[in-house]
Amino acid sequence: MAKSKVKEIKWFSDVEEHDYPAAESYLRIIYSEDRVADMITRLRTATIVQFKAKDIFRASQLSLLGVSNLHVEKDRKKIRKEISLSPLLLLRDESNGKVVIADGYHRLCAIYEFDEDAWIRCKII
């Protein structure tokens, strides 16, 4: 799993369709259904942007998931095999001063292990 084996992270040009319901499911735990419906609509039309992996972690205030996480390992394998990943879905939670990772936390953890300075494709609202 040496960093030198991974030349670059491959990305899909847009978010995979199944990531939106996953984001919605997570966000409905934190926010009201009406608010979440609006968030998902806005995420669908948001432009793809890029941020460094380490900056997303700092802004989210989340910890890095360990090597034993099966979802992270699945994404690590995709990276090593140069299989494209879906961009992350992010939400600026200004009232709490952080970024919520609505979808893509496991992908972010997998990428961070290869390169904390890697550019992460994402949509953010």
C-alpha atoms as a PDB file:
ATOM      1  CA  MET A   1       0.000   0.000   0.000  1.00  0.00           C
ATOM      2  CA  ALA A   2       2.926   2.312  -0.642  1.00  0.00           C
ATOM      3  CA  LYS A   3       2.030   5.803  -1.777  1.00  0.00           C
ATOM      4  CA  SER A   4       4.302   5.488  -4.801  1.00  0.00           C
ATOM      5  CA  LYS A   5       2.076   2.789  -6.337  1.00  0.00           C
ATOM      6  CA  VAL A   6      -0.867   5.179  -6.692  1.00  0.00           C
ATOM      7  CA  LYS A   7      -0.198   7.734  -9.393  1.00  0.00           C
ATOM      8  CA  GLU A   8      -3.492   9.577  -9.198  1.00  0.00           C
ATOM      9  CA  ILE A   9      -6.987   9.150  -7.799  1.00  0.00           C
ATOM     10  CA  LYS A  10      -9.532   8.510 -10.571  1.00  0.00           C
ATOM     11  CA  TRP A  11     -12.917  10.225 -10.353  1.00  0.00           C
ATOM     12  CA  PHE A  12     -16.266   9.929 -12.068  1.00  0.00           C
ATOM     13  CA  SER A  13     -17.275  13.173 -13.793  1.00  0.00           C
ATOM     14  CA  ASP A  14     -20.341  13.433 -11.546  1.00  0.00           C
ATOM     15  CA  VAL A  15     -21.722  11.935  -8.346  1.00  0.00           C
ATOM     16  CA  GLU A  16     -23.133   8.425  -8.696  1.00  0.00           C
ATOM     17  CA  GLU A  17     -26.931   8.416  -8.463  1.00  0.00           C
ATOM     18  CA  HIS A  18     -27.067   6.046  -5.467  1.00  0.00           C
ATOM     19  CA  ASP A  19     -25.038   8.526  -3.370  1.00  0.00           C
ATOM     20  CA  TYR A  20     -27.914  10.995  -3.156  1.00  0.00           C
ATOM     21  CA  PRO A  21     -30.300   8.653  -1.256  1.00  0.00           C
ATOM     22  CA  ALA A  22     -27.367   7.669   0.998  1.00  0.00           C
ATOM     23  CA  ALA A  23     -26.701  11.341   1.756  1.00  0.00           C
ATOM     24  CA  GLU A  24     -30.407  11.952   2.326  1.00  0.00           C
ATOM     25  CA  SER A  25     -30.635   9.050   4.784  1.00  0.00           C
ATOM     26  CA  TYR A  26     -27.717  10.420   6.801  1.00  0.00           C
ATOM     27  CA  LEU A  27     -28.835  14.050   6.713  1.00  0.00           C
ATOM     28  CA  ARG A  28     -32.374  13.143   7.870  1.00  0.00           C
ATOM     29  CA  ILE A  29     -30.842  12.097  11.196  1.00  0.00           C
ATOM     30  CA  ILE A  30     -29.507  15.629  11.701  1.00  0.00           C
ATOM     31  CA  TYR A  31     -32.001  17.905   9.915  1.00  0.00           C
ATOM     32  CA  SER A  32     -35.751  18.076   9.224  1.00  0.00           C
ATOM     33  CA  GLU A  33     -37.155  16.315   6.151  1.00  0.00           C
ATOM     34  CA  ASP A  34     -38.097  19.602   4.454  1.00  0.00           C
ATOM     35  CA  ARG A  35     -34.618  20.977   4.945  1.00  0.00           C
ATOM     36  CA  VAL A  36     -33.009  17.769   3.704  1.00  0.00           C
ATOM     37  CA  ALA A  37     -35.178  17.712   0.568  1.00  0.00           C
ATOM     38  CA  ASP A  38     -33.938  21.217  -0.242  1.00  0.00           C
ATOM     39  CA  MET A  39     -30.320  20.214   0.473  1.00  0.00           C
ATOM     40  CA  ILE A  40     -30.482  17.220  -1.878  1.00  0.00           C
ATOM     41  CA  THR A  41     -32.013  19.353  -4.640  1.00  0.00           C
ATOM     42  CA  ARG A  42     -29.195  21.880  -4.224  1.00  0.00           C
ATOM     43  CA  LEU A  43     -26.525  19.162  -4.111  1.00  0.00           C
ATOM     44  CA  ARG A  44     -27.811  17.641  -7.361  1.00  0.00           C
ATOM     45  CA  THR A  45     -27.305  20.941  -9.192  1.00  0.00           C
ATOM     46  CA  ALA A  46     -24.097  22.027  -7.447  1.00  0.00           C
ATOM     47  CA  THR A  47     -20.885  22.283  -9.433  1.00  0.00           C
ATOM     48  CA  ILE A  48     -18.018  19.866  -8.842  1.00  0.00           C
ATOM     49  CA  VAL A  49     -15.184  21.563  -6.932  1.00  0.00           C
ATOM     50  CA  GLN A  50     -11.989  20.315  -5.298  1.00  0.00           C
ATOM     51  CA  PHE A  51     -10.479  20.546  -1.823  1.00  0.00           C
ATOM     52  CA  LYS A  52      -7.463  18.800  -0.315  1.00  0.00           C
ATOM     53  CA  ALA A  53      -8.201  15.691   1.749  1.00  0.00           C
ATOM     54  CA  LYS A  54      -6.533  17.122   4.859  1.00  0.00           C
ATOM     55  CA  ASP A  55      -8.612  20.305   4.644  1.00  0.00           C
ATOM     56  CA  ILE A  56     -11.905  18.404   4.401  1.00  0.00           C
ATOM     57  CA  PHE A  57     -10.914  16.406   7.490  1.00  0.00           C
ATOM     58  CA  ARG A  58     -10.059  19.566   9.404  1.00  0.00           C
ATOM     59  CA  ALA A  59     -13.308  21.263   8.376  1.00  0.00           C
ATOM     60  CA  SER A  60     -15.427  18.208   9.203  1.00  0.00           C
ATOM     61  CA  GLN A  61     -13.794  17.674  12.610  1.00  0.00           C
ATOM     62  CA  LEU A  62     -14.094  13.914  12.035  1.00  0.00           C
ATOM     63  CA  SER A  63     -11.420  11.361  12.792  1.00  0.00           C
ATOM     64  CA  LEU A  64      -9.758   9.083  10.270  1.00  0.00           C
ATOM     65  CA  LEU A  65     -11.333   5.623  10.183  1.00  0.00           C
ATOM     66  CA  GLY A  66      -8.847   2.827  10.834  1.00  0.00           C
ATOM     67  CA  VAL A  67      -7.501   0.102   8.602  1.00  0.00           C
ATOM     68  CA  SER A  68     -10.025  -2.417   9.927  1.00  0.00           C
ATOM     69  CA  ASN A  69     -13.029  -0.646   8.389  1.00  0.00           C
ATOM     70  CA  LEU A  70     -14.381  -2.801   5.551  1.00  0.00           C
ATOM     71  CA  HIS A  71     -15.832   0.117   3.569  1.00  0.00           C
ATOM     72  CA  VAL A  72     -12.533   1.993   3.688  1.00  0.00           C
ATOM     73  CA  GLU A  73     -10.683  -1.137   2.547  1.00  0.00           C
ATOM     74  CA  LYS A  74     -13.109  -1.557  -0.368  1.00  0.00           C
ATOM     75  CA  ASP A  75     -12.337   1.994  -1.491  1.00  0.00           C
ATOM     76  CA  ARG A  76      -8.577   1.440  -1.010  1.00  0.00           C
ATOM     77  CA  LYS A  77      -8.798  -1.496  -3.414  1.00  0.00           C
ATOM     78  CA  LYS A  78     -10.607   0.675  -5.970  1.00  0.00           C
ATOM     79  CA  ILE A  79      -7.854   3.285  -5.697  1.00  0.00           C
ATOM     80  CA  ARG A  80      -5.096   0.696  -6.170  1.00  0.00           C
ATOM     81  CA  LYS A  81      -6.922  -0.765  -9.192  1.00  0.00           C
ATOM     82  CA  GLU A  82      -7.427   2.753 -10.593  1.00  0.00           C
ATOM     83  CA  ILE A  83     -11.220   2.438 -10.484  1.00  0.00           C
ATOM     84  CA  SER A  84     -13.005   5.781 -10.478  1.00  0.00           C
ATOM     85  CA  LEU A  85     -14.582   7.087  -7.288  1.00  0.00           C
ATOM     86  CA  SER A  86     -17.701   9.156  -6.883  1.00  0.00           C
ATOM     87  CA  PRO A  87     -17.215  12.761  -5.731  1.00  0.00           C
ATOM     88  CA  LEU A  88     -18.120  13.524  -2.117  1.00  0.00           C
ATOM     89  CA  LEU A  89     -21.277  15.348  -1.045  1.00  0.00           C
ATOM     90  CA  LEU A  90     -20.554  18.084   1.506  1.00  0.00           C
ATOM     91  CA  LEU A  91     -22.681  20.546   3.445  1.00  0.00           C
ATOM     92  CA  ARG A  92     -21.465  23.730   5.125  1.00  0.00           C
ATOM     93  CA  ASP A  93     -22.958  23.709   8.614  1.00  0.00           C
ATOM     94  CA  GLU A  94     -22.193  27.344   9.389  1.00  0.00           C
ATOM     95  CA  SER A  95     -24.130  27.361  12.675  1.00  0.00           C
ATOM     96  CA  ASN A  96     -21.729  24.715  14.043  1.00  0.00           C
ATOM     97  CA  GLY A  97     -18.669  25.936  12.162  1.00  0.00           C
ATOM     98  CA  LYS A  98     -17.935  22.712  10.314  1.00  0.00           C
ATOM     99  CA  VAL A  99     -18.511  20.726   7.153  1.00  0.00           C
ATOM    100  CA  VAL A 100     -20.875  17.745   7.201  1.00  0.00           C
ATOM    101  CA  ILE A 101     -19.821  14.857   4.954  1.00  0.00           C
ATOM    102  CA  ALA A 102     -23.249  13.804   3.696  1.00  0.00           C
ATOM    103  CA  ASP A 103     -21.717  11.036   1.557  1.00  0.00           C
ATOM    104  CA  GLY A 104     -18.149   9.915   0.938  1.00  0.00           C
ATOM    105  CA  TYR A 105     -16.591   9.608   4.398  1.00  0.00           C
ATOM    106  CA  HIS A 106     -15.154   6.148   3.651  1.00  0.00           C
ATOM    107  CA  ARG A 107     -13.759   7.327   0.300  1.00  0.00           C
ATOM    108  CA  LEU A 108     -12.137  10.304   2.014  1.00  0.00           C
ATOM    109  CA  CYS A 109     -10.503   8.047   4.632  1.00  0.00           C
ATOM    110  CA  ALA A 110      -9.180   5.693   1.940  1.00  0.00           C
ATOM    111  CA  ILE A 111      -7.736   8.545  -0.112  1.00  0.00           C
ATOM    112  CA  TYR A 112      -6.164  10.226   2.924  1.00  0.00           C
ATOM    113  CA  GLU A 113      -4.114   7.093   3.609  1.00  0.00           C
ATOM    114  CA  PHE A 114      -2.566   7.338   0.144  1.00  0.00           C
ATOM    115  CA  ASP A 115      -2.057  11.085   0.096  1.00  0.00           C
ATOM    116  CA  GLU A 116      -3.325  13.652   2.600  1.00  0.00           C
ATOM    117  CA  ASP A 117      -2.668  16.374   0.004  1.00  0.00           C
ATOM    118  CA  ALA A 118      -4.777  14.654  -2.668  1.00  0.00           C
ATOM    119  CA  TRP A 119      -7.400  16.825  -4.341  1.00  0.00           C
ATOM    120  CA  ILE A 120     -10.882  15.509  -3.571  1.00  0.00           C
ATOM    121  CA  ARG A 121     -13.661  16.105  -6.067  1.00  0.00           C
ATOM    122  CA  CYS A 122     -16.893  17.057  -4.352  1.00  0.00           C
ATOM    123  CA  LYS A 123     -20.098  19.038  -4.401  1.00  0.00           C
ATOM    124  CA  ILE A 124     -20.610  21.456  -1.525  1.00  0.00           C
ATOM    125  CA  ILE A 125     -23.553  23.600  -0.517  1.00  0.00           C
END
